[in-house]
Amino acid sequence: MDEDEDPFDARIRRSGCAKFHFALQDCVDQHKDFRACQQHMKDFKLCMDSNKRGKQESATKDAK
């Protein structure tokens, strides 16, 4: 992690979901209303949920 990098941004980058995060940020910036960006939010959530499940499955395999 870069000294100046925000921990939240670093976590997003490591998750593999940065492109969804940035697309959501761009959408909100463009529309000035998060309600216009529901699909972007769903895509980002799905990616983060998938990443979280992958880590949980990996930890379960490691514990065996």
C-alpha atoms as a PDB file:
ATOM      1  CA  MET A   1       0.000   0.000   0.000  1.00  0.00           C
ATOM      2  CA  ASP A   2       1.174   3.451  -0.880  1.00  0.00           C
ATOM      3  CA  GLU A   3       1.825   5.762   2.100  1.00  0.00           C
ATOM      4  CA  ASP A   4      -0.739   8.280   0.851  1.00  0.00           C
ATOM      5  CA  GLU A   5      -3.315   5.724  -0.255  1.00  0.00           C
ATOM      6  CA  ASP A   6      -6.548   5.636   1.683  1.00  0.00           C
ATOM      7  CA  PRO A   7      -7.065   2.240   3.407  1.00  0.00           C
ATOM      8  CA  PHE A   8     -10.555   1.999   1.921  1.00  0.00           C
ATOM      9  CA  ASP A   9      -9.225   2.586  -1.600  1.00  0.00           C
ATOM     10  CA  ALA A  10      -6.493  -0.003  -1.011  1.00  0.00           C
ATOM     11  CA  ARG A  11      -9.077  -2.580   0.081  1.00  0.00           C
ATOM     12  CA  ILE A  12     -11.202  -1.887  -3.001  1.00  0.00           C
ATOM     13  CA  ARG A  13      -8.161  -2.216  -5.254  1.00  0.00           C
ATOM     14  CA  ARG A  14      -7.132  -5.545  -3.659  1.00  0.00           C
ATOM     15  CA  SER A  15     -10.678  -6.895  -3.954  1.00  0.00           C
ATOM     16  CA  GLY A  16     -10.567  -6.851  -7.745  1.00  0.00           C
ATOM     17  CA  CYS A  17     -13.712  -4.700  -7.758  1.00  0.00           C
ATOM     18  CA  ALA A  18     -12.099  -1.315  -8.403  1.00  0.00           C
ATOM     19  CA  LYS A  19     -13.601  -0.967 -11.880  1.00  0.00           C
ATOM     20  CA  PHE A  20     -17.106  -1.357 -10.408  1.00  0.00           C
ATOM     21  CA  HIS A  21     -16.311   1.076  -7.600  1.00  0.00           C
ATOM     22  CA  PHE A  22     -15.019   3.726  -9.997  1.00  0.00           C
ATOM     23  CA  ALA A  23     -17.979   3.226 -12.345  1.00  0.00           C
ATOM     24  CA  LEU A  24     -20.316   3.795  -9.389  1.00  0.00           C
ATOM     25  CA  GLN A  25     -18.399   6.905  -8.333  1.00  0.00           C
ATOM     26  CA  ASP A  26     -18.529   8.250 -11.886  1.00  0.00           C
ATOM     27  CA  CYS A  27     -22.260   7.594 -12.125  1.00  0.00           C
ATOM     28  CA  VAL A  28     -22.997   9.376  -8.848  1.00  0.00           C
ATOM     29  CA  ASP A  29     -20.771  12.266  -9.870  1.00  0.00           C
ATOM     30  CA  GLN A  30     -22.522  12.543 -13.224  1.00  0.00           C
ATOM     31  CA  HIS A  31     -26.103  12.269 -11.947  1.00  0.00           C
ATOM     32  CA  LYS A  32     -25.624  13.828  -8.492  1.00  0.00           C
ATOM     33  CA  ASP A  33     -28.113  11.249  -7.238  1.00  0.00           C
ATOM     34  CA  PHE A  34     -27.185   7.719  -6.174  1.00  0.00           C
ATOM     35  CA  ARG A  35     -30.701   6.516  -7.005  1.00  0.00           C
ATOM     36  CA  ALA A  36     -29.850   6.878 -10.694  1.00  0.00           C
ATOM     37  CA  CYS A  37     -27.001   4.398 -10.215  1.00  0.00           C
ATOM     38  CA  GLN A  38     -28.813   1.338  -8.887  1.00  0.00           C
ATOM     39  CA  GLN A  39     -27.299  -1.051 -11.441  1.00  0.00           C
ATOM     40  CA  HIS A  40     -23.803   0.212 -10.683  1.00  0.00           C
ATOM     41  CA  MET A  41     -24.429  -0.365  -6.969  1.00  0.00           C
ATOM     42  CA  LYS A  42     -25.693  -3.891  -7.644  1.00  0.00           C
ATOM     43  CA  ASP A  43     -22.666  -4.704  -9.810  1.00  0.00           C
ATOM     44  CA  PHE A  44     -20.259  -3.418  -7.154  1.00  0.00           C
ATOM     45  CA  LYS A  45     -22.077  -5.309  -4.384  1.00  0.00           C
ATOM     46  CA  LEU A  46     -22.059  -8.552  -6.376  1.00  0.00           C
ATOM     47  CA  CYS A  47     -18.335  -8.216  -6.976  1.00  0.00           C
ATOM     48  CA  MET A  48     -17.590  -7.486  -3.312  1.00  0.00           C
ATOM     49  CA  ASP A  49     -19.855 -10.323  -2.141  1.00  0.00           C
ATOM     50  CA  SER A  50     -18.145 -12.708  -4.547  1.00  0.00           C
ATOM     51  CA  ASN A  51     -14.740 -11.585  -3.321  1.00  0.00           C
ATOM     52  CA  LYS A  52     -15.819 -12.041   0.307  1.00  0.00           C
ATOM     53  CA  ARG A  53     -17.169 -15.556  -0.404  1.00  0.00           C
ATOM     54  CA  GLY A  54     -13.925 -16.468  -2.148  1.00  0.00           C
ATOM     55  CA  LYS A  55     -11.888 -15.421   0.887  1.00  0.00           C
ATOM     56  CA  GLN A  56     -14.193 -17.329   3.245  1.00  0.00           C
ATOM     57  CA  GLU A  57     -13.958 -20.478   1.103  1.00  0.00           C
ATOM     58  CA  SER A  58     -10.185 -20.136   0.948  1.00  0.00           C
ATOM     59  CA  ALA A  59      -9.971 -19.784   4.746  1.00  0.00           C
ATOM     60  CA  THR A  60     -12.170 -22.864   5.182  1.00  0.00           C
ATOM     61  CA  LYS A  61      -9.921 -24.911   2.877  1.00  0.00           C
ATOM     62  CA  ASP A  62      -6.812 -23.687   4.722  1.00  0.00           C
ATOM     63  CA  ALA A  63      -8.309 -24.712   8.082  1.00  0.00           C
ATOM     64  CA  LYS A  64      -8.787 -28.335   6.956  1.00  0.00           C
END
